């Protein structure tokens, strides 16, 4: 239960920050989501720093990692986790899993958005 609380708190802060960043940077005139782009890139950088730091030293415990990586970065952006997982595939030399995971994630993600929008038309 304590683990869930850490993820919940971190996710809340990450989500609020992403919302504010989107309000500040997303361009409503031309539809370019600069805020989302910045959140994805910063989240990817941040999860790399957090998990890299946790792996390199014993200064972050499991609760802190849950709060910062799973919670905050997960709330700030899900792209950070995706990027980190692909880093692991590349680091281990598993190029097949990297390619399959990346392509499948993008294709299925886009299809899910379109499917959800299509289903809403019938509700």
PDB file of N, CA and C in Angstrom:
ATOM      1  N   UNK A   1       0.819  -1.193   0.000  1.00  0.00           N
ATOM      2  CA  UNK A   1       0.000   0.000   0.000  1.00  0.00           C
ATOM      3  C   UNK A   1       0.868   1.264   0.000  1.00  0.00           C
ATOM      4  N   UNK A   2       1.991   1.200   0.719  1.00  0.00           N
ATOM      5  CA  UNK A   2       2.893   2.348   0.779  1.00  0.00           C
ATOM      6  C   UNK A   2       3.468   2.645  -0.607  1.00  0.00           C
ATOM      7  N   UNK A   3       3.769   1.590  -1.380  1.00  0.00           N
ATOM      8  CA  UNK A   3       4.287   1.782  -2.737  1.00  0.00           C
ATOM      9  C   UNK A   3       3.284   2.535  -3.605  1.00  0.00           C
ATOM     10  N   UNK A   4       2.024   2.185  -3.476  1.00  0.00           N
ATOM     11  CA  UNK A   4       0.980   2.857  -4.248  1.00  0.00           C
ATOM     12  C   UNK A   4       0.900   4.336  -3.904  1.00  0.00           C
ATOM     13  N   UNK A   5       1.083   4.664  -2.637  1.00  0.00           N
ATOM     14  CA  UNK A   5       1.044   6.052  -2.203  1.00  0.00           C
ATOM     15  C   UNK A   5       2.184   6.859  -2.833  1.00  0.00           C
ATOM     16  N   UNK A   6       3.374   6.279  -2.870  1.00  0.00           N
ATOM     17  CA  UNK A   6       4.504   6.980  -3.497  1.00  0.00           C
ATOM     18  C   UNK A   6       4.254   7.225  -4.979  1.00  0.00           C
ATOM     19  N   UNK A   7       3.743   6.217  -5.682  1.00  0.00           N
ATOM     20  CA  UNK A   7       3.440   6.376  -7.114  1.00  0.00           C
ATOM     21  C   UNK A   7       2.341   7.419  -7.295  1.00  0.00           C
ATOM     22  N   UNK A   8       1.324   7.379  -6.449  1.00  0.00           N
ATOM     23  CA  UNK A   8       0.201   8.312  -6.516  1.00  0.00           C
ATOM     24  C   UNK A   8       0.663   9.758  -6.332  1.00  0.00           C
ATOM     25  N   UNK A   9       1.472  10.000  -5.323  1.00  0.00           N
ATOM     26  CA  UNK A   9       1.947  11.359  -5.037  1.00  0.00           C
ATOM     27  C   UNK A   9       2.842  11.861  -6.173  1.00  0.00           C
ATOM     28  N   UNK A  10       3.797  11.036  -6.585  1.00  0.00           N
ATOM     29  CA  UNK A  10       4.678  11.438  -7.682  1.00  0.00           C
ATOM     30  C   UNK A  10       3.907  11.669  -8.966  1.00  0.00           C
ATOM     31  N   UNK A  11       2.970  10.779  -9.269  1.00  0.00           N
ATOM     32  CA  UNK A  11       2.160  10.917 -10.474  1.00  0.00           C
ATOM     33  C   UNK A  11       1.320  12.183 -10.471  1.00  0.00           C
ATOM     34  N   UNK A  12       0.811  12.539  -9.312  1.00  0.00           N
ATOM     35  CA  UNK A  12       0.031  13.770  -9.204  1.00  0.00           C
ATOM     36  C   UNK A  12       0.861  15.002  -9.518  1.00  0.00           C
ATOM     37  N   UNK A  13       2.047  15.078  -8.938  1.00  0.00           N
ATOM     38  CA  UNK A  13       2.926  16.212  -9.213  1.00  0.00           C
ATOM     39  C   UNK A  13       3.350  16.250 -10.683  1.00  0.00           C
ATOM     40  N   UNK A  14       3.679  15.081 -11.236  1.00  0.00           N
ATOM     41  CA  UNK A  14       4.077  15.025 -12.644  1.00  0.00           C
ATOM     42  C   UNK A  14       2.958  15.442 -13.574  1.00  0.00           C
ATOM     43  N   UNK A  15       1.756  14.996 -13.291  1.00  0.00           N
ATOM     44  CA  UNK A  15       0.610  15.342 -14.128  1.00  0.00           C
ATOM     45  C   UNK A  15       0.302  16.832 -14.077  1.00  0.00           C
ATOM     46  N   UNK A  16       0.355  17.411 -12.893  1.00  0.00           N
ATOM     47  CA  UNK A  16       0.100  18.848 -12.757  1.00  0.00           C
ATOM     48  C   UNK A  16       1.168  19.649 -13.500  1.00  0.00           C
ATOM     49  N   UNK A  17       2.418  19.245 -13.382  1.00  0.00           N
ATOM     50  CA  UNK A  17       3.486  19.953 -14.082  1.00  0.00           C
ATOM     51  C   UNK A  17       3.321  19.845 -15.595  1.00  0.00           C
ATOM     52  N   UNK A  18       2.963  18.666 -16.085  1.00  0.00           N
ATOM     53  CA  UNK A  18       2.749  18.512 -17.520  1.00  0.00           C
ATOM     54  C   UNK A  18       1.586  19.387 -17.973  1.00  0.00           C
ATOM     55  N   UNK A  19       0.518  19.461 -17.204  1.00  0.00           N
ATOM     56  CA  UNK A  19      -0.622  20.302 -17.526  1.00  0.00           C
ATOM     57  C   UNK A  19      -0.196  21.770 -17.634  1.00  0.00           C
ATOM     58  N   UNK A  20       0.561  22.243 -16.641  1.00  0.00           N
ATOM     59  CA  UNK A  20       1.012  23.637 -16.655  1.00  0.00           C
ATOM     60  C   UNK A  20       1.957  23.917 -17.821  1.00  0.00           C
ATOM     61  N   UNK A  21       2.832  22.972 -18.110  1.00  0.00           N
ATOM     62  CA  UNK A  21       3.750  23.124 -19.232  1.00  0.00           C
ATOM     63  C   UNK A  21       2.983  23.199 -20.549  1.00  0.00           C
ATOM     64  N   UNK A  22       1.960  22.371 -20.689  1.00  0.00           N
ATOM     65  CA  UNK A  22       1.123  22.408 -21.885  1.00  0.00           C
ATOM     66  C   UNK A  22       0.383  23.721 -22.026  1.00  0.00           C
ATOM     67  N   UNK A  23      -0.143  24.233 -20.912  1.00  0.00           N
ATOM     68  CA  UNK A  23      -0.838  25.527 -20.937  1.00  0.00           C
ATOM     69  C   UNK A  23       0.107  26.647 -21.357  1.00  0.00           C
ATOM     70  N   UNK A  24       1.342  26.556 -20.922  1.00  0.00           N
ATOM     71  CA  UNK A  24       2.318  27.601 -21.182  1.00  0.00           C
ATOM     72  C   UNK A  24       2.900  27.507 -22.592  1.00  0.00           C
ATOM     73  N   UNK A  25       3.203  26.280 -23.076  1.00  0.00           N
ATOM     74  CA  UNK A  25       3.946  26.131 -24.322  1.00  0.00           C
ATOM     75  C   UNK A  25       3.149  25.647 -25.532  1.00  0.00           C
ATOM     76  N   UNK A  26       2.040  24.943 -25.320  1.00  0.00           N
ATOM     77  CA  UNK A  26       1.292  24.453 -26.482  1.00  0.00           C
ATOM     78  C   UNK A  26       0.704  25.630 -27.244  1.00  0.00           C
ATOM     79  N   UNK A  27       0.869  25.608 -28.551  1.00  0.00           N
ATOM     80  CA  UNK A  27       0.434  26.702 -29.408  1.00  0.00           C
ATOM     81  C   UNK A  27      -0.980  26.421 -29.905  1.00  0.00           C
ATOM     82  N   UNK A  28      -1.947  27.179 -29.418  1.00  0.00           N
ATOM     83  CA  UNK A  28      -3.338  26.954 -29.813  1.00  0.00           C
ATOM     84  C   UNK A  28      -3.637  27.501 -31.207  1.00  0.00           C
ATOM     85  N   UNK A  29      -2.820  28.425 -31.690  1.00  0.00           N
ATOM     86  CA  UNK A  29      -3.068  28.998 -33.014  1.00  0.00           C
ATOM     87  C   UNK A  29      -2.772  28.012 -34.142  1.00  0.00           C
ATOM     88  N   UNK A  30      -1.640  27.303 -34.050  1.00  0.00           N
ATOM     89  CA  UNK A  30      -1.294  26.369 -35.123  1.00  0.00           C
ATOM     90  C   UNK A  30      -1.334  24.910 -34.678  1.00  0.00           C
ATOM     91  N   UNK A  31      -1.674  24.661 -33.428  1.00  0.00           N
ATOM     92  CA  UNK A  31      -1.847  23.294 -32.936  1.00  0.00           C
ATOM     93  C   UNK A  31      -0.566  22.545 -32.634  1.00  0.00           C
ATOM     94  N   UNK A  32       0.571  23.210 -32.644  1.00  0.00           N
ATOM     95  CA  UNK A  32       1.838  22.521 -32.368  1.00  0.00           C
ATOM     96  C   UNK A  32       1.978  22.320 -30.861  1.00  0.00           C
ATOM     97  N   UNK A  33       2.095  21.050 -30.417  1.00  0.00           N
ATOM     98  CA  UNK A  33       2.152  20.748 -28.979  1.00  0.00           C
ATOM     99  C   UNK A  33       3.560  20.839 -28.408  1.00  0.00           C
ATOM    100  N   UNK A  34       4.121  22.056 -28.377  1.00  0.00           N
ATOM    101  CA  UNK A  34       5.471  22.217 -27.848  1.00  0.00           C
ATOM    102  C   UNK A  34       5.564  21.762 -26.390  1.00  0.00           C
ATOM    103  N   UNK A  35       4.528  22.021 -25.615  1.00  0.00           N
ATOM    104  CA  UNK A  35       4.539  21.609 -24.207  1.00  0.00           C
ATOM    105  C   UNK A  35       4.634  20.108 -24.058  1.00  0.00           C
ATOM    106  N   UNK A  36       3.883  19.391 -24.859  1.00  0.00           N
ATOM    107  CA  UNK A  36       3.929  17.929 -24.830  1.00  0.00           C
ATOM    108  C   UNK A  36       5.289  17.428 -25.278  1.00  0.00           C
ATOM    109  N   UNK A  37       5.825  18.015 -26.340  1.00  0.00           N
ATOM    110  CA  UNK A  37       7.146  17.628 -26.830  1.00  0.00           C
ATOM    111  C   UNK A  37       8.206  17.847 -25.752  1.00  0.00           C
ATOM    112  N   UNK A  38       8.167  19.010 -25.119  1.00  0.00           N
ATOM    113  CA  UNK A  38       9.138  19.321 -24.070  1.00  0.00           C
ATOM    114  C   UNK A  38       8.973  18.358 -22.890  1.00  0.00           C
ATOM    115  N   UNK A  39       7.728  18.062 -22.509  1.00  0.00           N
ATOM    116  CA  UNK A  39       7.494  17.128 -21.406  1.00  0.00           C
ATOM    117  C   UNK A  39       8.054  15.747 -21.745  1.00  0.00           C
ATOM    118  N   UNK A  40       7.834  15.282 -22.971  1.00  0.00           N
ATOM    119  CA  UNK A  40       8.346  13.973 -23.370  1.00  0.00           C
ATOM    120  C   UNK A  40       9.864  13.929 -23.337  1.00  0.00           C
ATOM    121  N   UNK A  41      10.504  14.951 -23.852  1.00  0.00           N
ATOM    122  CA  UNK A  41      11.967  14.966 -23.882  1.00  0.00           C
ATOM    123  C   UNK A  41      12.537  15.130 -22.468  1.00  0.00           C
ATOM    124  N   UNK A  42      11.985  16.067 -21.707  1.00  0.00           N
ATOM    125  CA  UNK A  42      12.467  16.249 -20.328  1.00  0.00           C
ATOM    126  C   UNK A  42      12.204  15.010 -19.473  1.00  0.00           C
ATOM    127  N   UNK A  43      11.040  14.392 -19.647  1.00  0.00           N
ATOM    128  CA  UNK A  43      10.725  13.180 -18.898  1.00  0.00           C
ATOM    129  C   UNK A  43      11.676  12.053 -19.228  1.00  0.00           C
ATOM    130  N   UNK A  44      12.025  11.935 -20.499  1.00  0.00           N
ATOM    131  CA  UNK A  44      12.980  10.907 -20.919  1.00  0.00           C
ATOM    132  C   UNK A  44      14.356  11.165 -20.305  1.00  0.00           C
ATOM    133  N   UNK A  45      14.768  12.412 -20.358  1.00  0.00           N
ATOM    134  CA  UNK A  45      16.050  12.765 -19.748  1.00  0.00           C
ATOM    135  C   UNK A  45      16.018  12.508 -18.238  1.00  0.00           C
ATOM    136  N   UNK A  46      14.940  12.905 -17.592  1.00  0.00           N
ATOM    137  CA  UNK A  46      14.832  12.762 -16.146  1.00  0.00           C
ATOM    138  C   UNK A  46      14.797  11.300 -15.705  1.00  0.00           C
ATOM    139  N   UNK A  47      14.041  10.456 -16.401  1.00  0.00           N
ATOM    140  CA  UNK A  47      13.991   9.047 -15.992  1.00  0.00           C
ATOM    141  C   UNK A  47      15.351   8.380 -16.226  1.00  0.00           C
ATOM    142  N   UNK A  48      16.055   8.823 -17.262  1.00  0.00           N
ATOM    143  CA  UNK A  48      17.410   8.312 -17.482  1.00  0.00           C
ATOM    144  C   UNK A  48      18.341   8.692 -16.346  1.00  0.00           C
ATOM    145  N   UNK A  49      18.226   9.940 -15.902  1.00  0.00           N
ATOM    146  CA  UNK A  49      19.054  10.411 -14.789  1.00  0.00           C
ATOM    147  C   UNK A  49      18.692   9.661 -13.506  1.00  0.00           C
ATOM    148  N   UNK A  50      17.414   9.550 -13.216  1.00  0.00           N
ATOM    149  CA  UNK A  50      16.971   8.903 -11.971  1.00  0.00           C
ATOM    150  C   UNK A  50      17.363   7.424 -11.949  1.00  0.00           C
ATOM    151  N   UNK A  51      17.017   6.693 -13.005  1.00  0.00           N
ATOM    152  CA  UNK A  51      17.310   5.261 -13.012  1.00  0.00           C
ATOM    153  C   UNK A  51      18.795   4.984 -13.196  1.00  0.00           C
ATOM    154  N   UNK A  52      19.477   5.845 -13.936  1.00  0.00           N
ATOM    155  CA  UNK A  52      20.922   5.714 -14.043  1.00  0.00           C
ATOM    156  C   UNK A  52      21.600   5.957 -12.712  1.00  0.00           C
ATOM    157  N   UNK A  53      21.133   6.967 -11.998  1.00  0.00           N
ATOM    158  CA  UNK A  53      21.677   7.279 -10.678  1.00  0.00           C
ATOM    159  C   UNK A  53      21.382   6.151  -9.695  1.00  0.00           C
ATOM    160  N   UNK A  54      20.169   5.631  -9.751  1.00  0.00           N
ATOM    161  CA  UNK A  54      19.796   4.534  -8.849  1.00  0.00           C
ATOM    162  C   UNK A  54      20.631   3.287  -9.110  1.00  0.00           C
ATOM    163  N   UNK A  55      20.944   3.029 -10.379  1.00  0.00           N
ATOM    164  CA  UNK A  55      21.735   1.849 -10.732  1.00  0.00           C
ATOM    165  C   UNK A  55      23.209   2.025 -10.354  1.00  0.00           C
ATOM    166  N   UNK A  56      23.680   3.269 -10.459  1.00  0.00           N
ATOM    167  CA  UNK A  56      25.100   3.539 -10.218  1.00  0.00           C
ATOM    168  C   UNK A  56      25.449   3.595  -8.735  1.00  0.00           C
ATOM    169  N   UNK A  57      24.548   4.105  -7.945  1.00  0.00           N
ATOM    170  CA  UNK A  57      24.830   4.255  -6.517  1.00  0.00           C
ATOM    171  C   UNK A  57      23.650   3.722  -5.710  1.00  0.00           C
ATOM    172  N   UNK A  58      23.864   3.556  -4.455  1.00  0.00           N
ATOM    173  CA  UNK A  58      22.814   3.061  -3.574  1.00  0.00           C
ATOM    174  C   UNK A  58      22.161   4.193  -2.787  1.00  0.00           C
ATOM    175  N   UNK A  59      22.162   5.399  -3.333  1.00  0.00           N
ATOM    176  CA  UNK A  59      21.615   6.537  -2.596  1.00  0.00           C
ATOM    177  C   UNK A  59      20.106   6.682  -2.752  1.00  0.00           C
ATOM    178  N   UNK A  60      19.517   6.101  -3.789  1.00  0.00           N
ATOM    179  CA  UNK A  60      18.062   6.123  -3.948  1.00  0.00           C
ATOM    180  C   UNK A  60      17.502   4.766  -3.543  1.00  0.00           C
ATOM    181  N   UNK A  61      16.566   4.782  -2.616  1.00  0.00           N
ATOM    182  CA  UNK A  61      15.939   3.530  -2.229  1.00  0.00           C
ATOM    183  C   UNK A  61      14.736   3.252  -3.137  1.00  0.00           C
ATOM    184  N   UNK A  62      14.085   2.126  -2.929  1.00  0.00           N
ATOM    185  CA  UNK A  62      12.964   1.726  -3.777  1.00  0.00           C
ATOM    186  C   UNK A  62      11.823   2.740  -3.708  1.00  0.00           C
ATOM    187  N   UNK A  63      11.534   3.259  -2.528  1.00  0.00           N
ATOM    188  CA  UNK A  63      10.446   4.233  -2.380  1.00  0.00           C
ATOM    189  C   UNK A  63      10.728   5.520  -3.148  1.00  0.00           C
ATOM    190  N   UNK A  64      11.966   5.980  -3.089  1.00  0.00           N
ATOM    191  CA  UNK A  64      12.338   7.193  -3.810  1.00  0.00           C
ATOM    192  C   UNK A  64      12.273   6.974  -5.317  1.00  0.00           C
ATOM    193  N   UNK A  65      12.697   5.805  -5.764  1.00  0.00           N
ATOM    194  CA  UNK A  65      12.627   5.482  -7.187  1.00  0.00           C
ATOM    195  C   UNK A  65      11.174   5.390  -7.655  1.00  0.00           C
ATOM    196  N   UNK A  66      10.319   4.785  -6.841  1.00  0.00           N
ATOM    197  CA  UNK A  66       8.895   4.728  -7.173  1.00  0.00           C
ATOM    198  C   UNK A  66       8.292   6.133  -7.256  1.00  0.00           C
ATOM    199  N   UNK A  67       8.626   6.985  -6.302  1.00  0.00           N
ATOM    200  CA  UNK A  67       8.114   8.348  -6.274  1.00  0.00           C
ATOM    201  C   UNK A  67       8.561   9.134  -7.502  1.00  0.00           C
ATOM    202  N   UNK A  68       9.856   9.067  -7.808  1.00  0.00           N
ATOM    203  CA  UNK A  68      10.416   9.907  -8.872  1.00  0.00           C
ATOM    204  C   UNK A  68      10.261   9.314 -10.276  1.00  0.00           C
ATOM    205  N   UNK A  69      10.655   8.057 -10.466  1.00  0.00           N
ATOM    206  CA  UNK A  69      10.642   7.466 -11.811  1.00  0.00           C
ATOM    207  C   UNK A  69       9.250   6.995 -12.206  1.00  0.00           C
ATOM    208  N   UNK A  70       8.691   6.086 -11.422  1.00  0.00           N
ATOM    209  CA  UNK A  70       7.381   5.540 -11.766  1.00  0.00           C
ATOM    210  C   UNK A  70       6.294   6.593 -11.598  1.00  0.00           C
ATOM    211  N   UNK A  71       6.293   7.283 -10.476  1.00  0.00           N
ATOM    212  CA  UNK A  71       5.252   8.264 -10.193  1.00  0.00           C
ATOM    213  C   UNK A  71       5.398   9.543 -10.986  1.00  0.00           C
ATOM    214  N   UNK A  72       6.440  10.313 -10.671  1.00  0.00           N
ATOM    215  CA  UNK A  72       6.579  11.629 -11.294  1.00  0.00           C
ATOM    216  C   UNK A  72       6.742  11.531 -12.812  1.00  0.00           C
ATOM    217  N   UNK A  73       7.716  10.737 -13.261  1.00  0.00           N
ATOM    218  CA  UNK A  73       7.941  10.639 -14.708  1.00  0.00           C
ATOM    219  C   UNK A  73       6.751   9.991 -15.414  1.00  0.00           C
ATOM    220  N   UNK A  74       6.122   9.026 -14.763  1.00  0.00           N
ATOM    221  CA  UNK A  74       4.941   8.401 -15.340  1.00  0.00           C
ATOM    222  C   UNK A  74       3.791   9.381 -15.478  1.00  0.00           C
ATOM    223  N   UNK A  75       3.637  10.267 -14.494  1.00  0.00           N
ATOM    224  CA  UNK A  75       2.607  11.292 -14.571  1.00  0.00           C
ATOM    225  C   UNK A  75       2.983  12.411 -15.517  1.00  0.00           C
ATOM    226  N   UNK A  76       4.252  12.737 -15.550  1.00  0.00           N
ATOM    227  CA  UNK A  76       4.735  13.816 -16.419  1.00  0.00           C
ATOM    228  C   UNK A  76       4.665  13.388 -17.873  1.00  0.00           C
ATOM    229  N   UNK A  77       5.032  12.143 -18.135  1.00  0.00           N
ATOM    230  CA  UNK A  77       4.951  11.602 -19.482  1.00  0.00           C
ATOM    231  C   UNK A  77       5.157  10.106 -19.447  1.00  0.00           C
ATOM    232  N   UNK A  78       4.425   9.395 -20.260  1.00  0.00           N
ATOM    233  CA  UNK A  78       4.670   7.958 -20.369  1.00  0.00           C
ATOM    234  C   UNK A  78       5.783   7.688 -21.368  1.00  0.00           C
ATOM    235  N   UNK A  79       6.134   8.680 -22.141  1.00  0.00           N
ATOM    236  CA  UNK A  79       7.194   8.502 -23.131  1.00  0.00           C
ATOM    237  C   UNK A  79       8.542   8.254 -22.472  1.00  0.00           C
ATOM    238  N   UNK A  80       8.735   8.785 -21.282  1.00  0.00           N
ATOM    239  CA  UNK A  80      10.019   8.588 -20.604  1.00  0.00           C
ATOM    240  C   UNK A  80      10.273   7.116 -20.319  1.00  0.00           C
ATOM    241  N   UNK A  81       9.267   6.406 -19.872  1.00  0.00           N
ATOM    242  CA  UNK A  81       9.419   4.982 -19.610  1.00  0.00           C
ATOM    243  C   UNK A  81       9.676   4.229 -20.898  1.00  0.00           C
ATOM    244  N   UNK A  82       8.942   4.571 -21.944  1.00  0.00           N
ATOM    245  CA  UNK A  82       9.121   3.958 -23.262  1.00  0.00           C
ATOM    246  C   UNK A  82      10.563   4.147 -23.752  1.00  0.00           C
ATOM    247  N   UNK A  83      11.074   5.349 -23.635  1.00  0.00           N
ATOM    248  CA  UNK A  83      12.435   5.632 -24.084  1.00  0.00           C
ATOM    249  C   UNK A  83      13.460   4.853 -23.266  1.00  0.00           C
ATOM    250  N   UNK A  84      13.258   4.780 -21.955  1.00  0.00           N
ATOM    251  CA  UNK A  84      14.189   4.056 -21.097  1.00  0.00           C
ATOM    252  C   UNK A  84      14.195   2.565 -21.433  1.00  0.00           C
ATOM    253  N   UNK A  85      13.007   1.991 -21.645  1.00  0.00           N
ATOM    254  CA  UNK A  85      12.927   0.570 -21.972  1.00  0.00           C
ATOM    255  C   UNK A  85      13.629   0.274 -23.294  1.00  0.00           C
ATOM    256  N   UNK A  86      13.513   1.180 -24.248  1.00  0.00           N
ATOM    257  CA  UNK A  86      14.221   0.997 -25.507  1.00  0.00           C
ATOM    258  C   UNK A  86      15.730   1.134 -25.323  1.00  0.00           C
ATOM    259  N   UNK A  87      16.137   2.000 -24.414  1.00  0.00           N
ATOM    260  CA  UNK A  87      17.564   2.124 -24.086  1.00  0.00           C
ATOM    261  C   UNK A  87      18.108   0.787 -23.577  1.00  0.00           C
ATOM    262  N   UNK A  88      17.331   0.124 -22.736  1.00  0.00           N
ATOM    263  CA  UNK A  88      17.741  -1.174 -22.194  1.00  0.00           C
ATOM    264  C   UNK A  88      17.901  -2.197 -23.319  1.00  0.00           C
ATOM    265  N   UNK A  89      16.944  -2.233 -24.253  1.00  0.00           N
ATOM    266  CA  UNK A  89      17.056  -3.155 -25.394  1.00  0.00           C
ATOM    267  C   UNK A  89      18.333  -2.878 -26.187  1.00  0.00           C
ATOM    268  N   UNK A  90      18.588  -1.613 -26.488  1.00  0.00           N
ATOM    269  CA  UNK A  90      19.773  -1.264 -27.278  1.00  0.00           C
ATOM    270  C   UNK A  90      21.059  -1.556 -26.520  1.00  0.00           C
ATOM    271  N   UNK A  91      21.066  -1.241 -25.242  1.00  0.00           N
ATOM    272  CA  UNK A  91      22.253  -1.482 -24.418  1.00  0.00           C
ATOM    273  C   UNK A  91      22.608  -2.963 -24.363  1.00  0.00           C
ATOM    274  N   UNK A  92      21.576  -3.807 -24.335  1.00  0.00           N
ATOM    275  CA  UNK A  92      21.813  -5.250 -24.277  1.00  0.00           C
ATOM    276  C   UNK A  92      22.049  -5.864 -25.658  1.00  0.00           C
ATOM    277  N   UNK A  93      21.937  -5.042 -26.709  1.00  0.00           N
ATOM    278  CA  UNK A  93      22.150  -5.547 -28.065  1.00  0.00           C
ATOM    279  C   UNK A  93      20.946  -6.273 -28.642  1.00  0.00           C
ATOM    280  N   UNK A  94      19.803  -6.138 -28.016  1.00  0.00           N
ATOM    281  CA  UNK A  94      18.586  -6.809 -28.477  1.00  0.00           C
ATOM    282  C   UNK A  94      17.850  -5.908 -29.471  1.00  0.00           C
ATOM    283  N   UNK A  95      18.395  -5.822 -30.686  1.00  0.00           N
ATOM    284  CA  UNK A  95      17.853  -4.932 -31.703  1.00  0.00           C
ATOM    285  C   UNK A  95      16.496  -5.393 -32.226  1.00  0.00           C
ATOM    286  N   UNK A  96      16.263  -6.688 -32.193  1.00  0.00           N
ATOM    287  CA  UNK A  96      14.966  -7.215 -32.650  1.00  0.00           C
ATOM    288  C   UNK A  96      13.856  -6.770 -31.707  1.00  0.00           C
ATOM    289  N   UNK A  97      14.066  -6.927 -30.405  1.00  0.00           N
ATOM    290  CA  UNK A  97      13.059  -6.489 -29.435  1.00  0.00           C
ATOM    291  C   UNK A  97      12.872  -4.985 -29.488  1.00  0.00           C
ATOM    292  N   UNK A  98      13.966  -4.256 -29.667  1.00  0.00           N
ATOM    293  CA  UNK A  98      13.882  -2.800 -29.800  1.00  0.00           C
ATOM    294  C   UNK A  98      12.980  -2.418 -30.969  1.00  0.00           C
ATOM    295  N   UNK A  99      13.220  -3.019 -32.123  1.00  0.00           N
ATOM    296  CA  UNK A  99      12.444  -2.685 -33.324  1.00  0.00           C
ATOM    297  C   UNK A  99      10.983  -3.095 -33.164  1.00  0.00           C
ATOM    298  N   UNK A 100      10.752  -4.295 -32.687  1.00  0.00           N
ATOM    299  CA  UNK A 100       9.374  -4.769 -32.519  1.00  0.00           C
ATOM    300  C   UNK A 100       8.609  -3.933 -31.495  1.00  0.00           C
ATOM    301  N   UNK A 101       9.245  -3.658 -30.376  1.00  0.00           N
ATOM    302  CA  UNK A 101       8.595  -2.877 -29.326  1.00  0.00           C
ATOM    303  C   UNK A 101       8.285  -1.462 -29.803  1.00  0.00           C
ATOM    304  N   UNK A 102       9.238  -0.839 -30.468  1.00  0.00           N
ATOM    305  CA  UNK A 102       9.052   0.530 -30.930  1.00  0.00           C
ATOM    306  C   UNK A 102       7.958   0.618 -31.977  1.00  0.00           C
ATOM    307  N   UNK A 103       8.068  -0.205 -32.999  1.00  0.00           N
ATOM    308  CA  UNK A 103       7.083  -0.168 -34.084  1.00  0.00           C
ATOM    309  C   UNK A 103       5.700  -0.540 -33.575  1.00  0.00           C
ATOM    310  N   UNK A 104       5.623  -1.602 -32.789  1.00  0.00           N
ATOM    311  CA  UNK A 104       4.335  -2.041 -32.263  1.00  0.00           C
ATOM    312  C   UNK A 104       3.719  -0.974 -31.367  1.00  0.00           C
ATOM    313  N   UNK A 105       4.531  -0.335 -30.524  1.00  0.00           N
ATOM    314  CA  UNK A 105       4.012   0.697 -29.627  1.00  0.00           C
ATOM    315  C   UNK A 105       3.406   1.859 -30.410  1.00  0.00           C
ATOM    316  N   UNK A 106       4.113   2.308 -31.423  1.00  0.00           N
ATOM    317  CA  UNK A 106       3.592   3.424 -32.218  1.00  0.00           C
ATOM    318  C   UNK A 106       2.346   3.033 -33.001  1.00  0.00           C
ATOM    319  N   UNK A 107       2.409   1.900 -33.680  1.00  0.00           N
ATOM    320  CA  UNK A 107       1.281   1.478 -34.512  1.00  0.00           C
ATOM    321  C   UNK A 107       0.043   1.200 -33.659  1.00  0.00           C
ATOM    322  N   UNK A 108       0.206   0.400 -32.607  1.00  0.00           N
ATOM    323  CA  UNK A 108      -0.936   0.060 -31.761  1.00  0.00           C
ATOM    324  C   UNK A 108      -1.442   1.302 -31.023  1.00  0.00           C
ATOM    325  N   UNK A 109      -0.536   2.162 -30.606  1.00  0.00           N
ATOM    326  CA  UNK A 109      -0.947   3.404 -29.942  1.00  0.00           C
ATOM    327  C   UNK A 109      -1.804   4.274 -30.836  1.00  0.00           C
ATOM    328  N   UNK A 110      -1.364   4.468 -32.070  1.00  0.00           N
ATOM    329  CA  UNK A 110      -2.156   5.256 -33.018  1.00  0.00           C
ATOM    330  C   UNK A 110      -3.485   4.576 -33.317  1.00  0.00           C
ATOM    331  N   UNK A 111      -3.445   3.257 -33.522  1.00  0.00           N
ATOM    332  CA  UNK A 111      -4.682   2.527 -33.793  1.00  0.00           C
ATOM    333  C   UNK A 111      -5.659   2.620 -32.621  1.00  0.00           C
ATOM    334  N   UNK A 112      -5.145   2.577 -31.404  1.00  0.00           N
ATOM    335  CA  UNK A 112      -6.007   2.681 -30.223  1.00  0.00           C
ATOM    336  C   UNK A 112      -6.681   4.048 -30.154  1.00  0.00           C
ATOM    337  N   UNK A 113      -5.944   5.094 -30.484  1.00  0.00           N
ATOM    338  CA  UNK A 113      -6.542   6.437 -30.507  1.00  0.00           C
ATOM    339  C   UNK A 113      -7.670   6.490 -31.531  1.00  0.00           C
ATOM    340  N   UNK A 114      -7.381   6.019 -32.725  1.00  0.00           N
ATOM    341  CA  UNK A 114      -8.400   6.030 -33.779  1.00  0.00           C
ATOM    342  C   UNK A 114      -9.586   5.132 -33.419  1.00  0.00           C
ATOM    343  N   UNK A 115      -9.323   3.972 -32.827  1.00  0.00           N
ATOM    344  CA  UNK A 115     -10.399   3.061 -32.428  1.00  0.00           C
ATOM    345  C   UNK A 115     -11.266   3.696 -31.346  1.00  0.00           C
ATOM    346  N   UNK A 116     -10.637   4.341 -30.388  1.00  0.00           N
ATOM    347  CA  UNK A 116     -11.389   5.019 -29.332  1.00  0.00           C
ATOM    348  C   UNK A 116     -12.265   6.120 -29.887  1.00  0.00           C
ATOM    349  N   UNK A 117     -11.712   6.902 -30.805  1.00  0.00           N
ATOM    350  CA  UNK A 117     -12.489   7.970 -31.421  1.00  0.00           C
ATOM    351  C   UNK A 117     -13.633   7.396 -32.260  1.00  0.00           C
ATOM    352  N   UNK A 118     -13.374   6.305 -32.944  1.00  0.00           N
ATOM    353  CA  UNK A 118     -14.397   5.651 -33.754  1.00  0.00           C
ATOM    354  C   UNK A 118     -15.520   5.100 -32.884  1.00  0.00           C
ATOM    355  N   UNK A 119     -15.157   4.457 -31.746  1.00  0.00           N
ATOM    356  CA  UNK A 119     -16.149   3.909 -30.842  1.00  0.00           C
ATOM    357  C   UNK A 119     -17.019   4.991 -30.207  1.00  0.00           C
ATOM    358  N   UNK A 120     -16.443   6.136 -29.918  1.00  0.00           N
ATOM    359  CA  UNK A 120     -17.181   7.225 -29.301  1.00  0.00           C
ATOM    360  C   UNK A 120     -18.308   7.699 -30.217  1.00  0.00           C
ATOM    361  N   UNK A 121     -18.118   7.596 -31.515  1.00  0.00           N
ATOM    362  CA  UNK A 121     -19.173   8.000 -32.453  1.00  0.00           C
ATOM    363  C   UNK A 121     -20.460   7.216 -32.251  1.00  0.00           C
ATOM    364  N   UNK A 122     -20.339   6.007 -31.705  1.00  0.00           N
ATOM    365  CA  UNK A 122     -21.508   5.144 -31.540  1.00  0.00           C
ATOM    366  C   UNK A 122     -22.102   5.195 -30.134  1.00  0.00           C
ATOM    367  N   UNK A 123     -21.580   6.024 -29.275  1.00  0.00           N
ATOM    368  CA  UNK A 123     -22.086   6.113 -27.896  1.00  0.00           C
ATOM    369  C   UNK A 123     -22.961   7.323 -27.740  1.00  0.00           C
TER     370      UNK A 123
END
